[in-house]
Amino acid sequence: MEFLQTITLALIQGITEFLPISSSAHLLLPYHVLGWADQGLAFDTAMHLGSLVAVITYFRQNICQLIKALFTALKQREHTDDSRFACYLLIASLPVLFVGFFGRYWIEANLRALSVIIASTALFALVLLAADLMGRRSRVQQDLDLPSALLIGISQCIALIPGASRSGVTMTMALLLGFTREAASRISFLIAIPAIAGASFLKTIDLISSGTTVNWTSMALGGIIAGIAAFACIKLFLDLIDRVGFLPFILYRLCLCAALFLMI
C-alpha cells in the first residue's frame, strides 16, 4: 500500500468507527470511487485493533470499575447497580458475536455492493432521525435492563450490513428505548468492545491461516493513526452530542447517499 492510502484509510477508520455514519461503508468508498485496491486483511485487522485500543483506553476507568463490581457481586452473591450494568452490557454484546461468526462469509460475498451501502445508509439515517425525535431521553445508562440489553444487542447485528453503522443502529435502539443521547452513546461504545475484539480475533485467525505476507510498517502506522483518530472522535462526540444532537450526522449520511447516487 502507498503511504497516502495508508494514512487516508486509517483516518477514515478512526474517524468513522464510533460515529453513527458507518465505517464499513466509508472504507468501501475509496475502492468504488477512487479505484484503490482493497486494503487487505492485515491492514484491516490493524485498524480494528487500533480502534479497540482507543475505546478501551478512553473507558479504562469505567471498565475497571465494572469488572471490579462484577467480581465483587460473584463473590458476595449480591448485585449492585454497576454489576448489573456490566452483566447487561455483556448480554448486549453476545448476539453480534454469534451472527458475525456464522454469517461473515455470506455477508462479505453478498452485501458489499455500492447499492446496498446507499440504501442502508439512507434508511438507517431516517430511522435514527425518528428515534432522536420520538425518544423520551429520560433514562440514564444505569437504567439498562435485560429487555433493553437484548434489544440493543439484537439491533447491533443489523450493523453487519455495510452502511447501517454499528454505533448508529445501537444508538437508535437505545434512543427508542428512552435513553438520553449521552447514555445511548456510552452504551453503544461499551458494547462495541467485545464486538470489535471478536472481529479482530476472527480477522487475525483468517490472516494467519491465509499465509499472507504482512507489511508490518503499514500495519503499525495504520493501527496507530486509526487509534488516535478514534480516541479523539469518542471524546469530541461525547462532549458535544447532548448539545448538537444527531441531526448533523443524519444530514451527512443523506448528503453522502445523494452524492453516491449521482456518481453511479
C-alpha atoms as a PDB file:
ATOM      1  CA  MET A   1       0.000   0.000   0.000  1.00  0.00           C
ATOM      2  CA  GLU A   2       1.130   3.520  -0.754  1.00  0.00           C
ATOM      3  CA  PHE A   3       1.763   5.941   2.113  1.00  0.00           C
ATOM      4  CA  LEU A   4      -1.176   8.205   1.151  1.00  0.00           C
ATOM      5  CA  GLN A   5      -3.543   5.252   1.002  1.00  0.00           C
ATOM      6  CA  THR A   6      -2.375   4.022   4.408  1.00  0.00           C
ATOM      7  CA  ILE A   7      -2.913   7.414   6.045  1.00  0.00           C
ATOM      8  CA  THR A   8      -6.280   8.010   4.369  1.00  0.00           C
ATOM      9  CA  LEU A   9      -7.781   4.619   5.184  1.00  0.00           C
ATOM     10  CA  ALA A  10      -6.542   4.736   8.782  1.00  0.00           C
ATOM     11  CA  LEU A  11      -8.092   8.171   9.283  1.00  0.00           C
ATOM     12  CA  ILE A  12     -11.372   7.011   7.722  1.00  0.00           C
ATOM     13  CA  GLN A  13     -11.482   4.013  10.046  1.00  0.00           C
ATOM     14  CA  GLY A  14     -10.608   6.003  13.146  1.00  0.00           C
ATOM     15  CA  ILE A  15     -12.994   8.869  12.460  1.00  0.00           C
ATOM     16  CA  THR A  16     -15.988   6.780  11.375  1.00  0.00           C
ATOM     17  CA  GLU A  17     -15.760   3.707  13.638  1.00  0.00           C
ATOM     18  CA  PHE A  18     -17.628   5.279  16.551  1.00  0.00           C
ATOM     19  CA  LEU A  19     -19.664   7.938  14.753  1.00  0.00           C
ATOM     20  CA  PRO A  20     -23.160   6.947  13.542  1.00  0.00           C
ATOM     21  CA  ILE A  21     -22.118   7.134   9.876  1.00  0.00           C
ATOM     22  CA  SER A  22     -20.751   3.606   9.171  1.00  0.00           C
ATOM     23  CA  SER A  23     -17.031   2.878   8.996  1.00  0.00           C
ATOM     24  CA  SER A  24     -17.512  -0.139   6.723  1.00  0.00           C
ATOM     25  CA  ALA A  25     -19.308   1.973   4.120  1.00  0.00           C
ATOM     26  CA  HIS A  26     -16.602   4.623   4.160  1.00  0.00           C
ATOM     27  CA  LEU A  27     -13.816   2.055   3.830  1.00  0.00           C
ATOM     28  CA  LEU A  28     -15.511   0.692   0.718  1.00  0.00           C
ATOM     29  CA  LEU A  29     -15.795   4.125  -0.873  1.00  0.00           C
ATOM     30  CA  PRO A  30     -12.112   4.513  -1.904  1.00  0.00           C
ATOM     31  CA  TYR A  31     -12.396   1.150  -3.645  1.00  0.00           C
ATOM     32  CA  HIS A  32     -15.518   2.153  -5.592  1.00  0.00           C
ATOM     33  CA  VAL A  33     -14.827   5.870  -6.123  1.00  0.00           C
ATOM     34  CA  LEU A  34     -11.037   6.156  -6.394  1.00  0.00           C
ATOM     35  CA  GLY A  35     -10.322   2.710  -7.777  1.00  0.00           C
ATOM     36  CA  TRP A  36      -7.950   1.843  -4.949  1.00  0.00           C
ATOM     37  CA  ALA A  37      -7.178  -1.797  -4.397  1.00  0.00           C
ATOM     38  CA  ASP A  38      -8.678  -3.459  -1.329  1.00  0.00           C
ATOM     39  CA  GLN A  39      -6.622  -2.614   1.734  1.00  0.00           C
ATOM     40  CA  GLY A  40      -6.143  -6.259   2.579  1.00  0.00           C
ATOM     41  CA  LEU A  41      -6.874  -8.387   5.606  1.00  0.00           C
ATOM     42  CA  ALA A  42      -3.694  -7.499   7.515  1.00  0.00           C
ATOM     43  CA  PHE A  43      -4.265  -3.743   7.323  1.00  0.00           C
ATOM     44  CA  ASP A  44      -7.961  -4.146   8.141  1.00  0.00           C
ATOM     45  CA  THR A  45      -7.012  -6.130  11.251  1.00  0.00           C
ATOM     46  CA  ALA A  46      -4.513  -3.482  12.356  1.00  0.00           C
ATOM     47  CA  MET A  47      -7.090  -0.696  12.043  1.00  0.00           C
ATOM     48  CA  HIS A  48      -9.637  -2.644  14.078  1.00  0.00           C
ATOM     49  CA  LEU A  49      -7.037  -3.257  16.777  1.00  0.00           C
ATOM     50  CA  GLY A  50      -6.232   0.460  16.824  1.00  0.00           C
ATOM     51  CA  SER A  51      -9.925   1.293  17.301  1.00  0.00           C
ATOM     52  CA  LEU A  52     -10.186  -1.334  20.035  1.00  0.00           C
ATOM     53  CA  VAL A  53      -7.229   0.110  21.949  1.00  0.00           C
ATOM     54  CA  ALA A  54      -8.765   3.590  21.614  1.00  0.00           C
ATOM     55  CA  VAL A  55     -12.150   2.699  23.130  1.00  0.00           C
ATOM     56  CA  ILE A  56     -10.587   0.617  25.922  1.00  0.00           C
ATOM     57  CA  THR A  57      -8.187   3.458  26.738  1.00  0.00           C
ATOM     58  CA  TYR A  58     -10.955   6.051  26.836  1.00  0.00           C
ATOM     59  CA  PHE A  59     -13.251   3.966  29.061  1.00  0.00           C
ATOM     60  CA  ARG A  60     -10.470   2.317  31.097  1.00  0.00           C
ATOM     61  CA  GLN A  61     -11.716   3.660  34.427  1.00  0.00           C
ATOM     62  CA  ASN A  62     -15.307   2.631  33.709  1.00  0.00           C
ATOM     63  CA  ILE A  63     -14.182  -0.811  32.547  1.00  0.00           C
ATOM     64  CA  CYS A  64     -12.078  -1.391  35.675  1.00  0.00           C
ATOM     65  CA  GLN A  65     -14.969  -0.240  37.861  1.00  0.00           C
ATOM     66  CA  LEU A  66     -17.433  -2.582  36.112  1.00  0.00           C
ATOM     67  CA  ILE A  67     -15.079  -5.567  36.231  1.00  0.00           C
ATOM     68  CA  LYS A  68     -14.420  -4.980  39.927  1.00  0.00           C
ATOM     69  CA  ALA A  69     -18.165  -4.708  40.619  1.00  0.00           C
ATOM     70  CA  LEU A  70     -18.829  -7.906  38.684  1.00  0.00           C
ATOM     71  CA  PHE A  71     -16.241  -9.920  40.608  1.00  0.00           C
ATOM     72  CA  THR A  72     -17.454  -8.469  43.899  1.00  0.00           C
ATOM     73  CA  ALA A  73     -21.026  -9.472  43.058  1.00  0.00           C
ATOM     74  CA  LEU A  74     -19.913 -13.007  42.196  1.00  0.00           C
ATOM     75  CA  LYS A  75     -18.002 -13.247  45.465  1.00  0.00           C
ATOM     76  CA  GLN A  76     -20.702 -11.780  47.694  1.00  0.00           C
ATOM     77  CA  ARG A  77     -23.615 -13.134  45.635  1.00  0.00           C
ATOM     78  CA  GLU A  78     -25.302  -9.757  45.707  1.00  0.00           C
ATOM     79  CA  HIS A  79     -25.625  -7.413  42.741  1.00  0.00           C
ATOM     80  CA  THR A  80     -25.000  -3.686  42.721  1.00  0.00           C
ATOM     81  CA  ASP A  81     -26.051  -1.192  40.055  1.00  0.00           C
ATOM     82  CA  ASP A  82     -22.587  -1.433  38.482  1.00  0.00           C
ATOM     83  CA  SER A  83     -22.515  -5.235  38.440  1.00  0.00           C
ATOM     84  CA  ARG A  84     -25.987  -5.388  36.862  1.00  0.00           C
ATOM     85  CA  PHE A  85     -24.937  -2.851  34.261  1.00  0.00           C
ATOM     86  CA  ALA A  86     -21.834  -4.938  33.493  1.00  0.00           C
ATOM     87  CA  CYS A  87     -23.919  -8.092  33.090  1.00  0.00           C
ATOM     88  CA  TYR A  88     -26.378  -6.400  30.759  1.00  0.00           C
ATOM     89  CA  LEU A  89     -23.531  -4.974  28.650  1.00  0.00           C
ATOM     90  CA  LEU A  90     -22.143  -8.488  28.245  1.00  0.00           C
ATOM     91  CA  ILE A  91     -25.563  -9.810  27.262  1.00  0.00           C
ATOM     92  CA  ALA A  92     -25.989  -6.999  24.713  1.00  0.00           C
ATOM     93  CA  SER A  93     -22.625  -7.914  23.195  1.00  0.00           C
ATOM     94  CA  LEU A  94     -23.415 -11.585  22.514  1.00  0.00           C
ATOM     95  CA  PRO A  95     -25.842 -11.592  19.523  1.00  0.00           C
ATOM     96  CA  VAL A  96     -23.487  -9.854  17.077  1.00  0.00           C
ATOM     97  CA  LEU A  97     -20.634 -12.213  18.011  1.00  0.00           C
ATOM     98  CA  PHE A  98     -22.804 -15.215  17.136  1.00  0.00           C
ATOM     99  CA  VAL A  99     -24.266 -13.777  13.924  1.00  0.00           C
ATOM    100  CA  GLY A 100     -20.925 -12.323  12.818  1.00  0.00           C
ATOM    101  CA  PHE A 101     -19.100 -15.629  13.323  1.00  0.00           C
ATOM    102  CA  PHE A 102     -21.539 -17.735  11.313  1.00  0.00           C
ATOM    103  CA  GLY A 103     -22.608 -15.130   8.756  1.00  0.00           C
ATOM    104  CA  ARG A 104     -19.446 -13.194   7.953  1.00  0.00           C
ATOM    105  CA  TYR A 105     -18.593 -15.026   4.731  1.00  0.00           C
ATOM    106  CA  TRP A 106     -22.127 -14.716   3.335  1.00  0.00           C
ATOM    107  CA  ILE A 107     -22.238 -11.023   4.248  1.00  0.00           C
ATOM    108  CA  GLU A 108     -18.811 -10.463   2.680  1.00  0.00           C
ATOM    109  CA  ALA A 109     -19.949 -12.113  -0.562  1.00  0.00           C
ATOM    110  CA  ASN A 110     -23.427 -10.613  -0.891  1.00  0.00           C
ATOM    111  CA  LEU A 111     -23.782  -7.289   0.926  1.00  0.00           C
ATOM    112  CA  ARG A 112     -20.775  -5.192  -0.068  1.00  0.00           C
ATOM    113  CA  ALA A 113     -22.343  -3.738  -3.231  1.00  0.00           C
ATOM    114  CA  LEU A 114     -22.480   0.039  -3.541  1.00  0.00           C
ATOM    115  CA  SER A 115     -26.265  -0.096  -3.975  1.00  0.00           C
ATOM    116  CA  VAL A 116     -26.574  -1.807  -0.595  1.00  0.00           C
ATOM    117  CA  ILE A 117     -24.376   0.858   1.006  1.00  0.00           C
ATOM    118  CA  ILE A 118     -26.503   3.677  -0.415  1.00  0.00           C
ATOM    119  CA  ALA A 119     -29.801   2.090   0.600  1.00  0.00           C
ATOM    120  CA  SER A 120     -28.751   1.158   4.147  1.00  0.00           C
ATOM    121  CA  THR A 121     -27.012   4.490   4.763  1.00  0.00           C
ATOM    122  CA  ALA A 122     -30.185   6.405   3.818  1.00  0.00           C
ATOM    123  CA  LEU A 123     -32.657   4.075   5.513  1.00  0.00           C
ATOM    124  CA  PHE A 124     -30.926   3.963   8.872  1.00  0.00           C
ATOM    125  CA  ALA A 125     -30.286   7.706   8.804  1.00  0.00           C
ATOM    126  CA  LEU A 126     -34.044   8.227   8.666  1.00  0.00           C
ATOM    127  CA  VAL A 127     -34.626   5.660  11.417  1.00  0.00           C
ATOM    128  CA  LEU A 128     -32.072   7.462  13.605  1.00  0.00           C
ATOM    129  CA  LEU A 129     -33.857  10.759  12.914  1.00  0.00           C
ATOM    130  CA  ALA A 130     -37.174   9.257  14.004  1.00  0.00           C
ATOM    131  CA  ALA A 131     -35.625   7.801  17.156  1.00  0.00           C
ATOM    132  CA  ASP A 132     -33.981  11.104  18.075  1.00  0.00           C
ATOM    133  CA  LEU A 133     -37.264  12.971  17.636  1.00  0.00           C
ATOM    134  CA  MET A 134     -39.504  10.387  19.311  1.00  0.00           C
ATOM    135  CA  GLY A 135     -37.274   9.184  22.142  1.00  0.00           C
ATOM    136  CA  ARG A 136     -38.168  10.288  25.675  1.00  0.00           C
ATOM    137  CA  ARG A 137     -34.473  10.780  26.589  1.00  0.00           C
ATOM    138  CA  SER A 138     -35.165  10.181  30.284  1.00  0.00           C
ATOM    139  CA  ARG A 139     -33.179   7.006  31.060  1.00  0.00           C
ATOM    140  CA  VAL A 140     -29.519   7.034  32.088  1.00  0.00           C
ATOM    141  CA  GLN A 141     -27.047   4.247  31.360  1.00  0.00           C
ATOM    142  CA  GLN A 142     -27.563   2.575  34.768  1.00  0.00           C
ATOM    143  CA  ASP A 143     -31.228   2.089  33.808  1.00  0.00           C
ATOM    144  CA  LEU A 144     -30.183  -0.583  31.308  1.00  0.00           C
ATOM    145  CA  ASP A 145     -32.180  -3.762  31.995  1.00  0.00           C
ATOM    146  CA  LEU A 146     -32.397  -7.217  30.450  1.00  0.00           C
ATOM    147  CA  PRO A 147     -35.071  -6.480  27.779  1.00  0.00           C
ATOM    148  CA  SER A 148     -33.247  -3.306  26.715  1.00  0.00           C
ATOM    149  CA  ALA A 149     -29.901  -5.120  26.596  1.00  0.00           C
ATOM    150  CA  LEU A 150     -31.356  -7.852  24.398  1.00  0.00           C
ATOM    151  CA  LEU A 151     -32.991  -5.368  22.005  1.00  0.00           C
ATOM    152  CA  ILE A 152     -29.832  -3.255  21.703  1.00  0.00           C
ATOM    153  CA  GLY A 153     -27.753  -6.400  21.239  1.00  0.00           C
ATOM    154  CA  ILE A 154     -30.032  -7.743  18.511  1.00  0.00           C
ATOM    155  CA  SER A 155     -30.042  -4.365  16.762  1.00  0.00           C
ATOM    156  CA  GLN A 156     -26.240  -4.447  16.679  1.00  0.00           C
ATOM    157  CA  CYS A 157     -26.470  -7.426  14.308  1.00  0.00           C
ATOM    158  CA  ILE A 158     -28.034  -5.137  11.685  1.00  0.00           C
ATOM    159  CA  ALA A 159     -24.742  -3.241  11.584  1.00  0.00           C
ATOM    160  CA  LEU A 160     -23.151  -6.183   9.793  1.00  0.00           C
ATOM    161  CA  ILE A 161     -24.829  -4.708   6.704  1.00  0.00           C
ATOM    162  CA  PRO A 162     -22.368  -2.170   5.220  1.00  0.00           C
ATOM    163  CA  GLY A 163     -23.783   1.321   5.574  1.00  0.00           C
ATOM    164  CA  ALA A 164     -26.025   0.587   8.556  1.00  0.00           C
ATOM    165  CA  SER A 165     -23.401   1.717  11.133  1.00  0.00           C
ATOM    166  CA  ARG A 166     -22.863  -0.307  14.303  1.00  0.00           C
ATOM    167  CA  SER A 167     -22.881   2.750  16.520  1.00  0.00           C
ATOM    168  CA  GLY A 168     -25.799   4.219  14.575  1.00  0.00           C
ATOM    169  CA  VAL A 169     -28.171   1.275  14.982  1.00  0.00           C
ATOM    170  CA  THR A 170     -27.331   0.691  18.658  1.00  0.00           C
ATOM    171  CA  MET A 171     -27.757   4.383  19.469  1.00  0.00           C
ATOM    172  CA  THR A 172     -31.036   4.349  17.535  1.00  0.00           C
ATOM    173  CA  MET A 173     -32.394   1.437  19.542  1.00  0.00           C
ATOM    174  CA  ALA A 174     -31.244   2.984  22.828  1.00  0.00           C
ATOM    175  CA  LEU A 175     -32.970   6.267  21.923  1.00  0.00           C
ATOM    176  CA  LEU A 176     -36.187   4.412  21.071  1.00  0.00           C
ATOM    177  CA  LEU A 177     -35.971   2.738  24.483  1.00  0.00           C
ATOM    178  CA  GLY A 178     -35.902   6.156  26.157  1.00  0.00           C
ATOM    179  CA  PHE A 179     -32.207   6.644  26.945  1.00  0.00           C
ATOM    180  CA  THR A 180     -30.595  10.069  26.814  1.00  0.00           C
ATOM    181  CA  ARG A 181     -28.283  10.831  23.913  1.00  0.00           C
ATOM    182  CA  GLU A 182     -25.190  10.548  26.077  1.00  0.00           C
ATOM    183  CA  ALA A 183     -26.355   7.317  27.727  1.00  0.00           C
ATOM    184  CA  ALA A 184     -27.212   5.806  24.351  1.00  0.00           C
ATOM    185  CA  SER A 185     -23.769   6.754  23.061  1.00  0.00           C
ATOM    186  CA  ARG A 186     -21.916   5.360  26.085  1.00  0.00           C
ATOM    187  CA  ILE A 187     -23.823   2.073  25.940  1.00  0.00           C
ATOM    188  CA  SER A 188     -23.072   1.839  22.216  1.00  0.00           C
ATOM    189  CA  PHE A 189     -19.351   2.449  22.744  1.00  0.00           C
ATOM    190  CA  LEU A 190     -19.064  -0.020  25.631  1.00  0.00           C
ATOM    191  CA  ILE A 191     -20.793  -2.902  23.833  1.00  0.00           C
ATOM    192  CA  ALA A 192     -18.554  -2.175  20.840  1.00  0.00           C
ATOM    193  CA  ILE A 193     -15.563  -3.505  22.782  1.00  0.00           C
ATOM    194  CA  PRO A 194     -16.486  -7.226  22.587  1.00  0.00           C
ATOM    195  CA  ALA A 195     -17.752  -6.764  19.026  1.00  0.00           C
ATOM    196  CA  ILE A 196     -14.522  -5.164  17.786  1.00  0.00           C
ATOM    197  CA  ALA A 197     -12.428  -7.609  19.817  1.00  0.00           C
ATOM    198  CA  GLY A 198     -14.322 -10.534  18.283  1.00  0.00           C
ATOM    199  CA  ALA A 199     -13.958  -9.135  14.757  1.00  0.00           C
ATOM    200  CA  SER A 200     -10.238  -8.537  15.334  1.00  0.00           C
ATOM    201  CA  PHE A 201      -9.792 -12.090  16.631  1.00  0.00           C
ATOM    202  CA  LEU A 202     -11.549 -13.617  13.606  1.00  0.00           C
ATOM    203  CA  LYS A 203      -9.565 -11.443  11.210  1.00  0.00           C
ATOM    204  CA  THR A 204      -6.333 -12.446  12.945  1.00  0.00           C
ATOM    205  CA  ILE A 205      -7.222 -16.145  12.602  1.00  0.00           C
ATOM    206  CA  ASP A 206      -8.071 -15.637   8.917  1.00  0.00           C
ATOM    207  CA  LEU A 207      -4.811 -13.731   8.421  1.00  0.00           C
ATOM    208  CA  ILE A 208      -2.720 -16.484   9.997  1.00  0.00           C
ATOM    209  CA  SER A 209      -4.460 -19.231   8.033  1.00  0.00           C
ATOM    210  CA  SER A 210      -4.169 -17.331   4.738  1.00  0.00           C
ATOM    211  CA  GLY A 211      -0.379 -17.115   4.917  1.00  0.00           C
ATOM    212  CA  THR A 212      -0.499 -13.557   3.569  1.00  0.00           C
ATOM    213  CA  THR A 213       2.743 -11.568   3.554  1.00  0.00           C
ATOM    214  CA  VAL A 214       2.420  -8.759   6.102  1.00  0.00           C
ATOM    215  CA  ASN A 215       3.717  -5.230   5.642  1.00  0.00           C
ATOM    216  CA  TRP A 216       4.435  -4.533   9.296  1.00  0.00           C
ATOM    217  CA  THR A 217       5.208  -0.861   8.709  1.00  0.00           C
ATOM    218  CA  SER A 218       1.824  -0.193   7.116  1.00  0.00           C
ATOM    219  CA  MET A 219       0.061  -2.231   9.795  1.00  0.00           C
ATOM    220  CA  ALA A 220       1.726  -0.362  12.648  1.00  0.00           C
ATOM    221  CA  LEU A 221       1.173   3.051  11.068  1.00  0.00           C
ATOM    222  CA  GLY A 222      -2.449   2.301  10.217  1.00  0.00           C
ATOM    223  CA  GLY A 223      -3.224   0.964  13.675  1.00  0.00           C
ATOM    224  CA  ILE A 224      -1.655   3.937  15.461  1.00  0.00           C
ATOM    225  CA  ILE A 225      -3.383   6.540  13.274  1.00  0.00           C
ATOM    226  CA  ALA A 226      -6.749   4.772  13.484  1.00  0.00           C
ATOM    227  CA  GLY A 227      -6.424   4.541  17.265  1.00  0.00           C
ATOM    228  CA  ILE A 228      -5.548   8.212  17.759  1.00  0.00           C
ATOM    229  CA  ALA A 229      -8.361   9.358  15.459  1.00  0.00           C
ATOM    230  CA  ALA A 230     -10.875   7.041  17.154  1.00  0.00           C
ATOM    231  CA  PHE A 231      -9.922   8.257  20.642  1.00  0.00           C
ATOM    232  CA  ALA A 232     -10.325  11.891  19.581  1.00  0.00           C
ATOM    233  CA  CYS A 233     -13.710  11.177  17.975  1.00  0.00           C
ATOM    234  CA  ILE A 234     -15.058   9.406  21.053  1.00  0.00           C
ATOM    235  CA  LYS A 235     -14.079  12.333  23.283  1.00  0.00           C
ATOM    236  CA  LEU A 236     -15.474  15.008  20.958  1.00  0.00           C
ATOM    237  CA  PHE A 237     -18.657  13.072  20.288  1.00  0.00           C
ATOM    238  CA  LEU A 238     -19.484  12.574  23.970  1.00  0.00           C
ATOM    239  CA  ASP A 239     -18.638  16.207  24.736  1.00  0.00           C
ATOM    240  CA  LEU A 240     -20.961  17.526  22.031  1.00  0.00           C
ATOM    241  CA  ILE A 241     -23.781  15.030  21.461  1.00  0.00           C
ATOM    242  CA  ASP A 242     -26.203  16.422  24.056  1.00  0.00           C
ATOM    243  CA  ARG A 243     -25.790  19.912  22.586  1.00  0.00           C
ATOM    244  CA  VAL A 244     -25.745  19.238  18.833  1.00  0.00           C
ATOM    245  CA  GLY A 245     -27.854  16.065  18.705  1.00  0.00           C
ATOM    246  CA  PHE A 246     -27.777  13.569  15.849  1.00  0.00           C
ATOM    247  CA  LEU A 247     -29.067  15.849  13.087  1.00  0.00           C
ATOM    248  CA  PRO A 248     -25.607  16.747  11.665  1.00  0.00           C
ATOM    249  CA  PHE A 249     -24.775  13.059  11.258  1.00  0.00           C
ATOM    250  CA  ILE A 250     -28.161  12.322   9.719  1.00  0.00           C
ATOM    251  CA  LEU A 251     -27.785  15.147   7.185  1.00  0.00           C
ATOM    252  CA  TYR A 252     -24.255  13.993   6.375  1.00  0.00           C
ATOM    253  CA  ARG A 253     -25.475  10.468   5.671  1.00  0.00           C
ATOM    254  CA  LEU A 254     -28.245  11.719   3.396  1.00  0.00           C
ATOM    255  CA  CYS A 255     -25.849  14.017   1.504  1.00  0.00           C
ATOM    256  CA  LEU A 256     -23.406  11.128   1.122  1.00  0.00           C
ATOM    257  CA  CYS A 257     -26.176   8.954  -0.306  1.00  0.00           C
ATOM    258  CA  ALA A 258     -27.172  11.647  -2.779  1.00  0.00           C
ATOM    259  CA  ALA A 259     -23.582  12.112  -3.946  1.00  0.00           C
ATOM    260  CA  LEU A 260     -23.048   8.380  -4.392  1.00  0.00           C
ATOM    261  CA  PHE A 261     -26.340   8.013  -6.222  1.00  0.00           C
ATOM    262  CA  LEU A 262     -25.409  10.777  -8.670  1.00  0.00           C
ATOM    263  CA  MET A 263     -21.985   9.215  -9.229  1.00  0.00           C
ATOM    264  CA  ILE A 264     -23.392   5.858 -10.256  1.00  0.00           C
END
